[in-house]
Amino acid sequence: GSTFLEDFDMKIVAFHPEYLKYGFSVAAGDRIAVANFDGTSSSATVLDEEGGVHPEDGEELLDVRFDNGEEFLIRYSSIITKLAMKDGQELPANDATGDAANLLSRAPRPTLHLLRMEDLEA
């Protein structure tokens, strides 16, 4: 929201129904959905959550095994969500939904709140 602060003297605060303040963590054995380059997703199992760091930008890497048996190091940012079994089907896991720190930025539907700085100074 700092671009709006400089240009319009406003801040943007985002709210989302599934907001997670600290993101989610993964561990060996967790099932995850991974974003593919073509816009699709693939399921994989985390083998090692500390697969190293990317040499170009230092982003954390994970060692995973995709459902087709291939193993790769992937960027942490390519994880779409953790997966969990529910009624025999693999679905996104709602991680830490009851954590009070998450509730501050939750809303029933995705929302952008525009804060005019002059209103905050009053």
Foldseek 3Di string as FASTA:
>chain_A
DVVCCVVPQKDKAKAAALFDPVDDDDAAQWKFWFADPVRHIFIWGFHGQQPDADPPPRAGWTWIATPVGDIDTDGPVRTPATWDDDPNDIDGDRPPSVPPVRVVRHDPHIDMDMGRNVVVVD
